[in-house]
């Protein structure tokens, strides 16, 4: 049985890159905005993880970066926290498929999310 979120919970939003090829940038932003506004009604804190890198064409990488820039701005407007997931060297954090995180990448992202959630939980107490 799922429990209903209670006021004061932290929600972390992290999405993949499947729609990066088919959706326009404004489609991404529109969807995020709707999600953020809905969660804002129910939760005190929302953390949005930037779209993670993967081995993409230069064009798709520019699109991903551009979407993340707009997500940062949206988070500022909507009162959410944006976690930038860009690191200097991503290849060592991706699996052989160039898409999914390997165990080192998963650990790095988990630690980043945990630090953010832990930080905001301390601020609420």
PDB file of N, CA and C in Angstrom:
ATOM      1  N   UNK A   1       0.838  -1.181   0.000  1.00  0.00           N
ATOM      2  CA  UNK A   1       0.000   0.000   0.000  1.00  0.00           C
ATOM      3  C   UNK A   1       0.883   1.245   0.000  1.00  0.00           C
ATOM      4  N   UNK A   2       0.668   2.125  -0.956  1.00  0.00           N
ATOM      5  CA  UNK A   2       1.458   3.342  -1.030  1.00  0.00           C
ATOM      6  C   UNK A   2       0.957   4.360  -0.024  1.00  0.00           C
ATOM      7  N   UNK A   3       1.908   5.084   0.535  1.00  0.00           N
ATOM      8  CA  UNK A   3       1.511   6.139   1.453  1.00  0.00           C
ATOM      9  C   UNK A   3       1.392   7.448   0.683  1.00  0.00           C
ATOM     10  N   UNK A   4       0.496   8.277   1.142  1.00  0.00           N
ATOM     11  CA  UNK A   4       0.312   9.588   0.530  1.00  0.00           C
ATOM     12  C   UNK A   4       1.366  10.530   1.074  1.00  0.00           C
ATOM     13  N   UNK A   5       2.027  11.307   0.190  1.00  0.00           N
ATOM     14  CA  UNK A   5       3.029  12.250   0.675  1.00  0.00           C
ATOM     15  C   UNK A   5       2.409  13.254   1.641  1.00  0.00           C
ATOM     16  N   UNK A   6       3.144  13.616   2.638  1.00  0.00           N
ATOM     17  CA  UNK A   6       2.692  14.586   3.621  1.00  0.00           C
ATOM     18  C   UNK A   6       3.382  15.911   3.365  1.00  0.00           C
ATOM     19  N   UNK A   7       2.744  17.000   3.802  1.00  0.00           N
ATOM     20  CA  UNK A   7       3.359  18.314   3.664  1.00  0.00           C
ATOM     21  C   UNK A   7       4.738  18.294   4.300  1.00  0.00           C
ATOM     22  N   UNK A   8       5.676  18.954   3.663  1.00  0.00           N
ATOM     23  CA  UNK A   8       7.021  19.011   4.200  1.00  0.00           C
ATOM     24  C   UNK A   8       7.961  18.004   3.583  1.00  0.00           C
ATOM     25  N   UNK A   9       7.447  17.052   2.818  1.00  0.00           N
ATOM     26  CA  UNK A   9       8.302  16.071   2.162  1.00  0.00           C
ATOM     27  C   UNK A   9       9.135  16.743   1.076  1.00  0.00           C
ATOM     28  N   UNK A  10      10.225  16.117   0.757  1.00  0.00           N
ATOM     29  CA  UNK A  10      11.062  16.555  -0.352  1.00  0.00           C
ATOM     30  C   UNK A  10      10.845  15.614  -1.517  1.00  0.00           C
ATOM     31  N   UNK A  11      10.670  16.176  -2.688  1.00  0.00           N
ATOM     32  CA  UNK A  11      10.493  15.389  -3.898  1.00  0.00           C
ATOM     33  C   UNK A  11      11.656  15.694  -4.841  1.00  0.00           C
ATOM     34  N   UNK A  12      12.313  14.647  -5.318  1.00  0.00           N
ATOM     35  CA  UNK A  12      13.409  14.800  -6.270  1.00  0.00           C
ATOM     36  C   UNK A  12      12.904  14.327  -7.631  1.00  0.00           C
ATOM     37  N   UNK A  13      13.032  15.196  -8.628  1.00  0.00           N
ATOM     38  CA  UNK A  13      12.621  14.867  -9.995  1.00  0.00           C
ATOM     39  C   UNK A  13      13.873  14.644 -10.827  1.00  0.00           C
ATOM     40  N   UNK A  14      13.962  13.461 -11.432  1.00  0.00           N
ATOM     41  CA  UNK A  14      15.087  13.136 -12.307  1.00  0.00           C
ATOM     42  C   UNK A  14      14.535  12.347 -13.470  1.00  0.00           C
ATOM     43  N   UNK A  15      14.760  12.832 -14.678  1.00  0.00           N
ATOM     44  CA  UNK A  15      14.236  12.150 -15.861  1.00  0.00           C
ATOM     45  C   UNK A  15      15.387  11.730 -16.770  1.00  0.00           C
ATOM     46  N   UNK A  16      15.065  10.824 -17.658  1.00  0.00           N
ATOM     47  CA  UNK A  16      16.058  10.341 -18.612  1.00  0.00           C
ATOM     48  C   UNK A  16      16.102  11.190 -19.867  1.00  0.00           C
ATOM     49  N   UNK A  17      16.720  10.629 -20.886  1.00  0.00           N
ATOM     50  CA  UNK A  17      16.933  11.385 -22.123  1.00  0.00           C
ATOM     51  C   UNK A  17      16.155  10.833 -23.308  1.00  0.00           C
ATOM     52  N   UNK A  18      15.243   9.895 -23.093  1.00  0.00           N
ATOM     53  CA  UNK A  18      14.528   9.283 -24.213  1.00  0.00           C
ATOM     54  C   UNK A  18      13.843  10.305 -25.112  1.00  0.00           C
ATOM     55  N   UNK A  19      13.186  11.295 -24.533  1.00  0.00           N
ATOM     56  CA  UNK A  19      12.445  12.274 -25.325  1.00  0.00           C
ATOM     57  C   UNK A  19      13.322  13.397 -25.867  1.00  0.00           C
ATOM     58  N   UNK A  20      14.576  13.362 -25.563  1.00  0.00           N
ATOM     59  CA  UNK A  20      15.476  14.412 -26.030  1.00  0.00           C
ATOM     60  C   UNK A  20      15.495  14.496 -27.546  1.00  0.00           C
ATOM     61  N   UNK A  21      15.324  13.362 -28.201  1.00  0.00           N
ATOM     62  CA  UNK A  21      15.364  13.331 -29.655  1.00  0.00           C
ATOM     63  C   UNK A  21      14.060  13.795 -30.286  1.00  0.00           C
ATOM     64  N   UNK A  22      12.943  13.530 -29.638  1.00  0.00           N
ATOM     65  CA  UNK A  22      11.646  13.801 -30.263  1.00  0.00           C
ATOM     66  C   UNK A  22      10.967  15.080 -29.795  1.00  0.00           C
ATOM     67  N   UNK A  23      11.131  15.467 -28.537  1.00  0.00           N
ATOM     68  CA  UNK A  23      10.440  16.641 -28.003  1.00  0.00           C
ATOM     69  C   UNK A  23      11.247  17.913 -28.230  1.00  0.00           C
ATOM     70  N   UNK A  24      10.518  18.989 -28.444  1.00  0.00           N
ATOM     71  CA  UNK A  24      11.154  20.310 -28.534  1.00  0.00           C
ATOM     72  C   UNK A  24      11.488  20.782 -27.116  1.00  0.00           C
ATOM     73  N   UNK A  25      12.437  21.693 -27.031  1.00  0.00           N
ATOM     74  CA  UNK A  25      12.871  22.204 -25.730  1.00  0.00           C
ATOM     75  C   UNK A  25      11.691  22.767 -24.934  1.00  0.00           C
ATOM     76  N   UNK A  26      10.815  23.511 -25.582  1.00  0.00           N
ATOM     77  CA  UNK A  26       9.686  24.102 -24.869  1.00  0.00           C
ATOM     78  C   UNK A  26       8.711  23.051 -24.350  1.00  0.00           C
ATOM     79  N   UNK A  27       8.656  21.887 -25.027  1.00  0.00           N
ATOM     80  CA  UNK A  27       7.824  20.788 -24.522  1.00  0.00           C
ATOM     81  C   UNK A  27       8.349  20.294 -23.182  1.00  0.00           C
ATOM     82  N   UNK A  28       9.671  20.167 -23.075  1.00  0.00           N
ATOM     83  CA  UNK A  28      10.286  19.761 -21.805  1.00  0.00           C
ATOM     84  C   UNK A  28       9.926  20.763 -20.706  1.00  0.00           C
ATOM     85  N   UNK A  29      10.147  22.028 -21.001  1.00  0.00           N
ATOM     86  CA  UNK A  29       9.938  23.071 -19.991  1.00  0.00           C
ATOM     87  C   UNK A  29       8.472  23.118 -19.566  1.00  0.00           C
ATOM     88  N   UNK A  30       7.568  22.985 -20.500  1.00  0.00           N
ATOM     89  CA  UNK A  30       6.140  22.997 -20.203  1.00  0.00           C
ATOM     90  C   UNK A  30       5.763  21.846 -19.265  1.00  0.00           C
ATOM     91  N   UNK A  31       6.303  20.655 -19.539  1.00  0.00           N
ATOM     92  CA  UNK A  31       6.022  19.492 -18.692  1.00  0.00           C
ATOM     93  C   UNK A  31       6.591  19.681 -17.288  1.00  0.00           C
ATOM     94  N   UNK A  32       7.836  20.160 -17.215  1.00  0.00           N
ATOM     95  CA  UNK A  32       8.442  20.402 -15.905  1.00  0.00           C
ATOM     96  C   UNK A  32       7.647  21.436 -15.121  1.00  0.00           C
ATOM     97  N   UNK A  33       7.237  22.507 -15.802  1.00  0.00           N
ATOM     98  CA  UNK A  33       6.491  23.561 -15.113  1.00  0.00           C
ATOM     99  C   UNK A  33       5.201  23.010 -14.524  1.00  0.00           C
ATOM    100  N   UNK A  34       4.491  22.193 -15.289  1.00  0.00           N
ATOM    101  CA  UNK A  34       3.250  21.598 -14.784  1.00  0.00           C
ATOM    102  C   UNK A  34       3.522  20.714 -13.564  1.00  0.00           C
ATOM    103  N   UNK A  35       4.581  19.925 -13.638  1.00  0.00           N
ATOM    104  CA  UNK A  35       4.937  19.054 -12.505  1.00  0.00           C
ATOM    105  C   UNK A  35       5.304  19.892 -11.282  1.00  0.00           C
ATOM    106  N   UNK A  36       6.136  20.905 -11.492  1.00  0.00           N
ATOM    107  CA  UNK A  36       6.561  21.745 -10.370  1.00  0.00           C
ATOM    108  C   UNK A  36       5.384  22.446  -9.714  1.00  0.00           C
ATOM    109  N   UNK A  37       4.485  22.965 -10.516  1.00  0.00           N
ATOM    110  CA  UNK A  37       3.340  23.670  -9.943  1.00  0.00           C
ATOM    111  C   UNK A  37       2.426  22.726  -9.166  1.00  0.00           C
ATOM    112  N   UNK A  38       2.269  21.514  -9.655  1.00  0.00           N
ATOM    113  CA  UNK A  38       1.451  20.535  -8.932  1.00  0.00           C
ATOM    114  C   UNK A  38       2.115  20.117  -7.622  1.00  0.00           C
ATOM    115  N   UNK A  39       3.406  19.860  -7.673  1.00  0.00           N
ATOM    116  CA  UNK A  39       4.118  19.451  -6.461  1.00  0.00           C
ATOM    117  C   UNK A  39       4.210  20.584  -5.450  1.00  0.00           C
ATOM    118  N   UNK A  40       4.284  21.790  -5.932  1.00  0.00           N
ATOM    119  CA  UNK A  40       4.365  22.934  -5.031  1.00  0.00           C
ATOM    120  C   UNK A  40       3.122  23.018  -4.145  1.00  0.00           C
ATOM    121  N   UNK A  41       1.988  22.563  -4.671  1.00  0.00           N
ATOM    122  CA  UNK A  41       0.753  22.556  -3.889  1.00  0.00           C
ATOM    123  C   UNK A  41       0.829  21.550  -2.741  1.00  0.00           C
ATOM    124  N   UNK A  42       1.619  20.492  -2.900  1.00  0.00           N
ATOM    125  CA  UNK A  42       1.620  19.381  -1.951  1.00  0.00           C
ATOM    126  C   UNK A  42       2.874  19.291  -1.092  1.00  0.00           C
ATOM    127  N   UNK A  43       3.952  19.878  -1.536  1.00  0.00           N
ATOM    128  CA  UNK A  43       5.236  19.666  -0.861  1.00  0.00           C
ATOM    129  C   UNK A  43       5.942  20.984  -0.591  1.00  0.00           C
ATOM    130  N   UNK A  44       6.739  20.974   0.403  1.00  0.00           N
ATOM    131  CA  UNK A  44       7.483  22.169   0.759  1.00  0.00           C
ATOM    132  C   UNK A  44       8.734  22.333  -0.104  1.00  0.00           C
ATOM    133  N   UNK A  45       9.350  21.251  -0.486  1.00  0.00           N
ATOM    134  CA  UNK A  45      10.647  21.312  -1.167  1.00  0.00           C
ATOM    135  C   UNK A  45      10.658  20.406  -2.390  1.00  0.00           C
ATOM    136  N   UNK A  46      11.088  20.954  -3.530  1.00  0.00           N
ATOM    137  CA  UNK A  46      11.223  20.179  -4.753  1.00  0.00           C
ATOM    138  C   UNK A  46      12.638  20.382  -5.278  1.00  0.00           C
ATOM    139  N   UNK A  47      13.284  19.279  -5.596  1.00  0.00           N
ATOM    140  CA  UNK A  47      14.635  19.298  -6.158  1.00  0.00           C
ATOM    141  C   UNK A  47      14.556  18.713  -7.568  1.00  0.00           C
ATOM    142  N   UNK A  48      15.034  19.474  -8.545  1.00  0.00           N
ATOM    143  CA  UNK A  48      15.038  19.021  -9.934  1.00  0.00           C
ATOM    144  C   UNK A  48      16.472  18.701 -10.326  1.00  0.00           C
ATOM    145  N   UNK A  49      16.683  17.471 -10.717  1.00  0.00           N
ATOM    146  CA  UNK A  49      17.995  17.040 -11.200  1.00  0.00           C
ATOM    147  C   UNK A  49      18.101  17.385 -12.675  1.00  0.00           C
ATOM    148  N   UNK A  50      19.183  18.043 -13.050  1.00  0.00           N
ATOM    149  CA  UNK A  50      19.387  18.328 -14.460  1.00  0.00           C
ATOM    150  C   UNK A  50      19.450  17.042 -15.272  1.00  0.00           C
ATOM    151  N   UNK A  51      19.125  17.145 -16.552  1.00  0.00           N
ATOM    152  CA  UNK A  51      19.178  15.977 -17.421  1.00  0.00           C
ATOM    153  C   UNK A  51      20.636  15.547 -17.539  1.00  0.00           C
ATOM    154  N   UNK A  52      20.870  14.287 -17.242  1.00  0.00           N
ATOM    155  CA  UNK A  52      22.237  13.768 -17.194  1.00  0.00           C
ATOM    156  C   UNK A  52      22.839  13.622 -18.587  1.00  0.00           C
ATOM    157  N   UNK A  53      24.144  13.791 -18.676  1.00  0.00           N
ATOM    158  CA  UNK A  53      24.826  13.575 -19.954  1.00  0.00           C
ATOM    159  C   UNK A  53      24.790  12.109 -20.362  1.00  0.00           C
ATOM    160  N   UNK A  54      24.960  11.882 -21.615  1.00  0.00           N
ATOM    161  CA  UNK A  54      25.177  10.563 -22.169  1.00  0.00           C
ATOM    162  C   UNK A  54      25.958  10.778 -23.464  1.00  0.00           C
ATOM    163  N   UNK A  55      26.427   9.732 -24.039  1.00  0.00           N
ATOM    164  CA  UNK A  55      27.188   9.900 -25.277  1.00  0.00           C
ATOM    165  C   UNK A  55      26.226  10.241 -26.403  1.00  0.00           C
ATOM    166  N   UNK A  56      26.144  11.516 -26.698  1.00  0.00           N
ATOM    167  CA  UNK A  56      25.212  12.036 -27.687  1.00  0.00           C
ATOM    168  C   UNK A  56      25.959  12.741 -28.806  1.00  0.00           C
ATOM    169  N   UNK A  57      25.248  13.025 -29.866  1.00  0.00           N
ATOM    170  CA  UNK A  57      25.815  13.878 -30.900  1.00  0.00           C
ATOM    171  C   UNK A  57      26.020  15.269 -30.295  1.00  0.00           C
ATOM    172  N   UNK A  58      26.837  16.049 -30.919  1.00  0.00           N
ATOM    173  CA  UNK A  58      27.067  17.415 -30.405  1.00  0.00           C
ATOM    174  C   UNK A  58      25.766  18.212 -30.386  1.00  0.00           C
ATOM    175  N   UNK A  59      24.933  18.009 -31.394  1.00  0.00           N
ATOM    176  CA  UNK A  59      23.660  18.721 -31.465  1.00  0.00           C
ATOM    177  C   UNK A  59      22.760  18.355 -30.285  1.00  0.00           C
ATOM    178  N   UNK A  60      22.663  17.073 -29.977  1.00  0.00           N
ATOM    179  CA  UNK A  60      21.824  16.640 -28.853  1.00  0.00           C
ATOM    180  C   UNK A  60      22.421  17.073 -27.519  1.00  0.00           C
ATOM    181  N   UNK A  61      23.722  17.098 -27.423  1.00  0.00           N
ATOM    182  CA  UNK A  61      24.373  17.566 -26.191  1.00  0.00           C
ATOM    183  C   UNK A  61      24.090  19.054 -25.980  1.00  0.00           C
ATOM    184  N   UNK A  62      24.124  19.835 -27.049  1.00  0.00           N
ATOM    185  CA  UNK A  62      23.785  21.261 -26.937  1.00  0.00           C
ATOM    186  C   UNK A  62      22.325  21.432 -26.504  1.00  0.00           C
ATOM    187  N   UNK A  63      21.451  20.609 -27.050  1.00  0.00           N
ATOM    188  CA  UNK A  63      20.034  20.674 -26.677  1.00  0.00           C
ATOM    189  C   UNK A  63      19.860  20.332 -25.205  1.00  0.00           C
ATOM    190  N   UNK A  64      20.534  19.277 -24.745  1.00  0.00           N
ATOM    191  CA  UNK A  64      20.449  18.875 -23.335  1.00  0.00           C
ATOM    192  C   UNK A  64      20.922  20.005 -22.435  1.00  0.00           C
ATOM    193  N   UNK A  65      22.043  20.602 -22.795  1.00  0.00           N
ATOM    194  CA  UNK A  65      22.602  21.707 -21.998  1.00  0.00           C
ATOM    195  C   UNK A  65      21.659  22.906 -21.990  1.00  0.00           C
ATOM    196  N   UNK A  66      21.080  23.201 -23.131  1.00  0.00           N
ATOM    197  CA  UNK A  66      20.149  24.316 -23.236  1.00  0.00           C
ATOM    198  C   UNK A  66      18.894  24.077 -22.394  1.00  0.00           C
ATOM    199  N   UNK A  67      18.394  22.854 -22.419  1.00  0.00           N
ATOM    200  CA  UNK A  67      17.230  22.519 -21.590  1.00  0.00           C
ATOM    201  C   UNK A  67      17.592  22.680 -20.114  1.00  0.00           C
ATOM    202  N   UNK A  68      18.756  22.200 -19.719  1.00  0.00           N
ATOM    203  CA  UNK A  68      19.169  22.351 -18.324  1.00  0.00           C
ATOM    204  C   UNK A  68      19.273  23.820 -17.924  1.00  0.00           C
ATOM    205  N   UNK A  69      19.765  24.664 -18.826  1.00  0.00           N
ATOM    206  CA  UNK A  69      19.838  26.098 -18.526  1.00  0.00           C
ATOM    207  C   UNK A  69      18.440  26.670 -18.269  1.00  0.00           C
ATOM    208  N   UNK A  70      17.487  26.274 -19.102  1.00  0.00           N
ATOM    209  CA  UNK A  70      16.113  26.758 -18.906  1.00  0.00           C
ATOM    210  C   UNK A  70      15.467  26.146 -17.664  1.00  0.00           C
ATOM    211  N   UNK A  71      15.823  24.895 -17.360  1.00  0.00           N
ATOM    212  CA  UNK A  71      15.303  24.282 -16.134  1.00  0.00           C
ATOM    213  C   UNK A  71      15.797  25.033 -14.903  1.00  0.00           C
ATOM    214  N   UNK A  72      17.049  25.458 -14.940  1.00  0.00           N
ATOM    215  CA  UNK A  72      17.599  26.241 -13.830  1.00  0.00           C
ATOM    216  C   UNK A  72      16.777  27.511 -13.641  1.00  0.00           C
ATOM    217  N   UNK A  73      16.497  28.196 -14.745  1.00  0.00           N
ATOM    218  CA  UNK A  73      15.697  29.419 -14.669  1.00  0.00           C
ATOM    219  C   UNK A  73      14.286  29.133 -14.159  1.00  0.00           C
ATOM    220  N   UNK A  74      13.685  28.050 -14.641  1.00  0.00           N
ATOM    221  CA  UNK A  74      12.345  27.668 -14.190  1.00  0.00           C
ATOM    222  C   UNK A  74      12.342  27.388 -12.687  1.00  0.00           C
ATOM    223  N   UNK A  75      13.349  26.689 -12.219  1.00  0.00           N
ATOM    224  CA  UNK A  75      13.442  26.387 -10.785  1.00  0.00           C
ATOM    225  C   UNK A  75      13.555  27.666  -9.967  1.00  0.00           C
ATOM    226  N   UNK A  76      14.303  28.638 -10.469  1.00  0.00           N
ATOM    227  CA  UNK A  76      14.406  29.923  -9.770  1.00  0.00           C
ATOM    228  C   UNK A  76      13.032  30.579  -9.664  1.00  0.00           C
ATOM    229  N   UNK A  77      12.275  30.553 -10.744  1.00  0.00           N
ATOM    230  CA  UNK A  77      10.943  31.158 -10.785  1.00  0.00           C
ATOM    231  C   UNK A  77       9.953  30.426  -9.899  1.00  0.00           C
ATOM    232  N   UNK A  78      10.027  29.098  -9.907  1.00  0.00           N
ATOM    233  CA  UNK A  78       9.035  28.284  -9.195  1.00  0.00           C
ATOM    234  C   UNK A  78       9.443  27.938  -7.758  1.00  0.00           C
ATOM    235  N   UNK A  79      10.598  28.387  -7.326  1.00  0.00           N
ATOM    236  CA  UNK A  79      11.020  28.128  -5.957  1.00  0.00           C
ATOM    237  C   UNK A  79      11.506  26.715  -5.703  1.00  0.00           C
ATOM    238  N   UNK A  80      12.009  26.066  -6.744  1.00  0.00           N
ATOM    239  CA  UNK A  80      12.565  24.716  -6.604  1.00  0.00           C
ATOM    240  C   UNK A  80      14.089  24.801  -6.656  1.00  0.00           C
ATOM    241  N   UNK A  81      14.725  23.756  -6.185  1.00  0.00           N
ATOM    242  CA  UNK A  81      16.192  23.687  -6.243  1.00  0.00           C
ATOM    243  C   UNK A  81      16.598  22.920  -7.495  1.00  0.00           C
ATOM    244  N   UNK A  82      17.611  23.411  -8.183  1.00  0.00           N
ATOM    245  CA  UNK A  82      18.131  22.736  -9.365  1.00  0.00           C
ATOM    246  C   UNK A  82      19.493  22.134  -9.033  1.00  0.00           C
ATOM    247  N   UNK A  83      19.654  20.856  -9.300  1.00  0.00           N
ATOM    248  CA  UNK A  83      20.941  20.180  -9.107  1.00  0.00           C
ATOM    249  C   UNK A  83      21.591  19.976 -10.469  1.00  0.00           C
ATOM    250  N   UNK A  84      22.700  20.611 -10.673  1.00  0.00           N
ATOM    251  CA  UNK A  84      23.430  20.445 -11.917  1.00  0.00           C
ATOM    252  C   UNK A  84      24.232  19.153 -11.839  1.00  0.00           C
ATOM    253  N   UNK A  85      24.048  18.317 -12.826  1.00  0.00           N
ATOM    254  CA  UNK A  85      24.705  17.011 -12.811  1.00  0.00           C
ATOM    255  C   UNK A  85      25.881  16.942 -13.776  1.00  0.00           C
ATOM    256  N   UNK A  86      26.295  18.075 -14.306  1.00  0.00           N
ATOM    257  CA  UNK A  86      27.417  18.062 -15.246  1.00  0.00           C
ATOM    258  C   UNK A  86      28.738  17.993 -14.483  1.00  0.00           C
ATOM    259  N   UNK A  87      29.531  17.015 -14.836  1.00  0.00           N
ATOM    260  CA  UNK A  87      30.860  16.850 -14.262  1.00  0.00           C
ATOM    261  C   UNK A  87      31.881  16.973 -15.383  1.00  0.00           C
ATOM    262  N   UNK A  88      33.114  17.219 -15.034  1.00  0.00           N
ATOM    263  CA  UNK A  88      34.153  17.409 -16.044  1.00  0.00           C
ATOM    264  C   UNK A  88      34.313  16.203 -16.960  1.00  0.00           C
ATOM    265  N   UNK A  89      34.374  15.028 -16.382  1.00  0.00           N
ATOM    266  CA  UNK A  89      34.599  13.816 -17.171  1.00  0.00           C
ATOM    267  C   UNK A  89      33.456  12.848 -16.910  1.00  0.00           C
ATOM    268  N   UNK A  90      32.570  12.695 -17.883  1.00  0.00           N
ATOM    269  CA  UNK A  90      31.417  11.829 -17.684  1.00  0.00           C
ATOM    270  C   UNK A  90      31.646  10.399 -18.114  1.00  0.00           C
ATOM    271  N   UNK A  91      32.532  10.183 -19.054  1.00  0.00           N
ATOM    272  CA  UNK A  91      32.708   8.834 -19.599  1.00  0.00           C
ATOM    273  C   UNK A  91      32.967   7.784 -18.538  1.00  0.00           C
ATOM    274  N   UNK A  92      33.699   8.135 -17.499  1.00  0.00           N
ATOM    275  CA  UNK A  92      33.999   7.130 -16.474  1.00  0.00           C
ATOM    276  C   UNK A  92      32.795   6.806 -15.593  1.00  0.00           C
ATOM    277  N   UNK A  93      31.717   7.584 -15.724  1.00  0.00           N
ATOM    278  CA  UNK A  93      30.510   7.346 -14.938  1.00  0.00           C
ATOM    279  C   UNK A  93      29.394   6.679 -15.742  1.00  0.00           C
ATOM    280  N   UNK A  94      29.626   6.466 -17.032  1.00  0.00           N
ATOM    281  CA  UNK A  94      28.622   5.836 -17.890  1.00  0.00           C
ATOM    282  C   UNK A  94      28.985   4.391 -18.163  1.00  0.00           C
ATOM    283  N   UNK A  95      27.959   3.569 -18.325  1.00  0.00           N
ATOM    284  CA  UNK A  95      28.180   2.167 -18.682  1.00  0.00           C
ATOM    285  C   UNK A  95      28.646   2.048 -20.121  1.00  0.00           C
ATOM    286  N   UNK A  96      28.878   0.839 -20.527  1.00  0.00           N
ATOM    287  CA  UNK A  96      29.356   0.582 -21.888  1.00  0.00           C
ATOM    288  C   UNK A  96      28.411   1.086 -22.963  1.00  0.00           C
ATOM    289  N   UNK A  97      27.114   1.137 -22.640  1.00  0.00           N
ATOM    290  CA  UNK A  97      26.140   1.591 -23.634  1.00  0.00           C
ATOM    291  C   UNK A  97      26.173   3.105 -23.842  1.00  0.00           C
ATOM    292  N   UNK A  98      26.898   3.817 -22.987  1.00  0.00           N
ATOM    293  CA  UNK A  98      26.989   5.267 -23.121  1.00  0.00           C
ATOM    294  C   UNK A  98      25.725   5.994 -22.710  1.00  0.00           C
ATOM    295  N   UNK A  99      24.789   5.268 -22.156  1.00  0.00           N
ATOM    296  CA  UNK A  99      23.495   5.826 -21.797  1.00  0.00           C
ATOM    297  C   UNK A  99      23.238   5.755 -20.296  1.00  0.00           C
ATOM    298  N   UNK A 100      23.369   4.575 -19.735  1.00  0.00           N
ATOM    299  CA  UNK A 100      23.059   4.365 -18.325  1.00  0.00           C
ATOM    300  C   UNK A 100      24.301   4.573 -17.458  1.00  0.00           C
ATOM    301  N   UNK A 101      24.045   4.993 -16.235  1.00  0.00           N
ATOM    302  CA  UNK A 101      25.132   5.171 -15.281  1.00  0.00           C
ATOM    303  C   UNK A 101      25.712   3.815 -14.889  1.00  0.00           C
ATOM    304  N   UNK A 102      27.014   3.779 -14.698  1.00  0.00           N
ATOM    305  CA  UNK A 102      27.609   2.595 -14.097  1.00  0.00           C
ATOM    306  C   UNK A 102      27.525   2.768 -12.579  1.00  0.00           C
ATOM    307  N   UNK A 103      28.095   1.849 -11.832  1.00  0.00           N
ATOM    308  CA  UNK A 103      27.960   1.932 -10.365  1.00  0.00           C
ATOM    309  C   UNK A 103      28.625   3.180  -9.801  1.00  0.00           C
ATOM    310  N   UNK A 104      29.694   3.657 -10.443  1.00  0.00           N
ATOM    311  CA  UNK A 104      30.362   4.868  -9.966  1.00  0.00           C
ATOM    312  C   UNK A 104      29.501   6.106 -10.239  1.00  0.00           C
ATOM    313  N   UNK A 105      28.873   6.122 -11.400  1.00  0.00           N
ATOM    314  CA  UNK A 105      27.989   7.225 -11.738  1.00  0.00           C
ATOM    315  C   UNK A 105      26.755   7.253 -10.854  1.00  0.00           C
ATOM    316  N   UNK A 106      26.174   6.084 -10.609  1.00  0.00           N
ATOM    317  CA  UNK A 106      25.003   6.006  -9.736  1.00  0.00           C
ATOM    318  C   UNK A 106      25.357   6.475  -8.327  1.00  0.00           C
ATOM    319  N   UNK A 107      26.530   6.080  -7.854  1.00  0.00           N
ATOM    320  CA  UNK A 107      26.977   6.497  -6.529  1.00  0.00           C
ATOM    321  C   UNK A 107      27.184   8.009  -6.476  1.00  0.00           C
ATOM    322  N   UNK A 108      27.800   8.551  -7.501  1.00  0.00           N
ATOM    323  CA  UNK A 108      28.070   9.997  -7.539  1.00  0.00           C
ATOM    324  C   UNK A 108      26.765  10.801  -7.535  1.00  0.00           C
ATOM    325  N   UNK A 109      25.804  10.375  -8.346  1.00  0.00           N
ATOM    326  CA  UNK A 109      24.517  11.071  -8.398  1.00  0.00           C
ATOM    327  C   UNK A 109      23.759  10.893  -7.082  1.00  0.00           C
ATOM    328  N   UNK A 110      23.764   9.688  -6.542  1.00  0.00           N
ATOM    329  CA  UNK A 110      23.067   9.442  -5.274  1.00  0.00           C
ATOM    330  C   UNK A 110      23.634  10.318  -4.159  1.00  0.00           C
ATOM    331  N   UNK A 111      24.950  10.444  -4.128  1.00  0.00           N
ATOM    332  CA  UNK A 111      25.577  11.288  -3.096  1.00  0.00           C
ATOM    333  C   UNK A 111      25.188  12.760  -3.276  1.00  0.00           C
ATOM    334  N   UNK A 112      25.115  13.206  -4.511  1.00  0.00           N
ATOM    335  CA  UNK A 112      24.743  14.592  -4.797  1.00  0.00           C
ATOM    336  C   UNK A 112      23.295  14.853  -4.354  1.00  0.00           C
ATOM    337  N   UNK A 113      22.410  13.920  -4.669  1.00  0.00           N
ATOM    338  CA  UNK A 113      21.008  14.062  -4.261  1.00  0.00           C
ATOM    339  C   UNK A 113      20.897  14.005  -2.734  1.00  0.00           C
ATOM    340  N   UNK A 114      21.582  13.043  -2.131  1.00  0.00           N
ATOM    341  CA  UNK A 114      21.526  12.904  -0.675  1.00  0.00           C
ATOM    342  C   UNK A 114      22.007  14.182   0.013  1.00  0.00           C
ATOM    343  N   UNK A 115      23.100  14.754  -0.478  1.00  0.00           N
ATOM    344  CA  UNK A 115      23.635  15.977   0.128  1.00  0.00           C
ATOM    345  C   UNK A 115      22.621  17.117   0.018  1.00  0.00           C
ATOM    346  N   UNK A 116      21.947  17.202  -1.102  1.00  0.00           N
ATOM    347  CA  UNK A 116      20.954  18.254  -1.288  1.00  0.00           C
ATOM    348  C   UNK A 116      19.761  18.060  -0.360  1.00  0.00           C
ATOM    349  N   UNK A 117      19.259  16.836  -0.297  1.00  0.00           N
ATOM    350  CA  UNK A 117      18.102  16.549   0.553  1.00  0.00           C
ATOM    351  C   UNK A 117      18.470  16.724   2.026  1.00  0.00           C
ATOM    352  N   UNK A 118      19.643  16.242   2.405  1.00  0.00           N
ATOM    353  CA  UNK A 118      20.101  16.383   3.787  1.00  0.00           C
ATOM    354  C   UNK A 118      20.232  17.850   4.164  1.00  0.00           C
ATOM    355  N   UNK A 119      20.770  18.639   3.256  1.00  0.00           N
ATOM    356  CA  UNK A 119      20.951  20.068   3.491  1.00  0.00           C
ATOM    357  C   UNK A 119      19.604  20.758   3.690  1.00  0.00           C
ATOM    358  N   UNK A 120      18.655  20.460   2.818  1.00  0.00           N
ATOM    359  CA  UNK A 120      17.359  21.149   2.941  1.00  0.00           C
ATOM    360  C   UNK A 120      16.579  20.634   4.139  1.00  0.00           C
ATOM    361  N   UNK A 121      16.793  19.393   4.542  1.00  0.00           N
ATOM    362  CA  UNK A 121      16.103  18.875   5.741  1.00  0.00           C
ATOM    363  C   UNK A 121      16.616  19.597   6.988  1.00  0.00           C
ATOM    364  N   UNK A 122      17.933  19.851   7.039  1.00  0.00           N
ATOM    365  CA  UNK A 122      18.486  20.592   8.164  1.00  0.00           C
ATOM    366  C   UNK A 122      17.915  21.994   8.223  1.00  0.00           C
ATOM    367  N   UNK A 123      17.728  22.606   7.033  1.00  0.00           N
ATOM    368  CA  UNK A 123      17.201  23.967   6.979  1.00  0.00           C
ATOM    369  C   UNK A 123      15.755  24.031   7.474  1.00  0.00           C
ATOM    370  N   UNK A 124      15.012  22.927   7.307  1.00  0.00           N
ATOM    371  CA  UNK A 124      13.613  22.922   7.730  1.00  0.00           C
ATOM    372  C   UNK A 124      13.449  22.718   9.224  1.00  0.00           C
ATOM    373  N   UNK A 125      14.466  22.157   9.876  1.00  0.00           N
ATOM    374  CA  UNK A 125      14.359  21.885  11.320  1.00  0.00           C
ATOM    375  C   UNK A 125      14.708  23.107  12.136  1.00  0.00           C
TER     376      UNK A 125
END
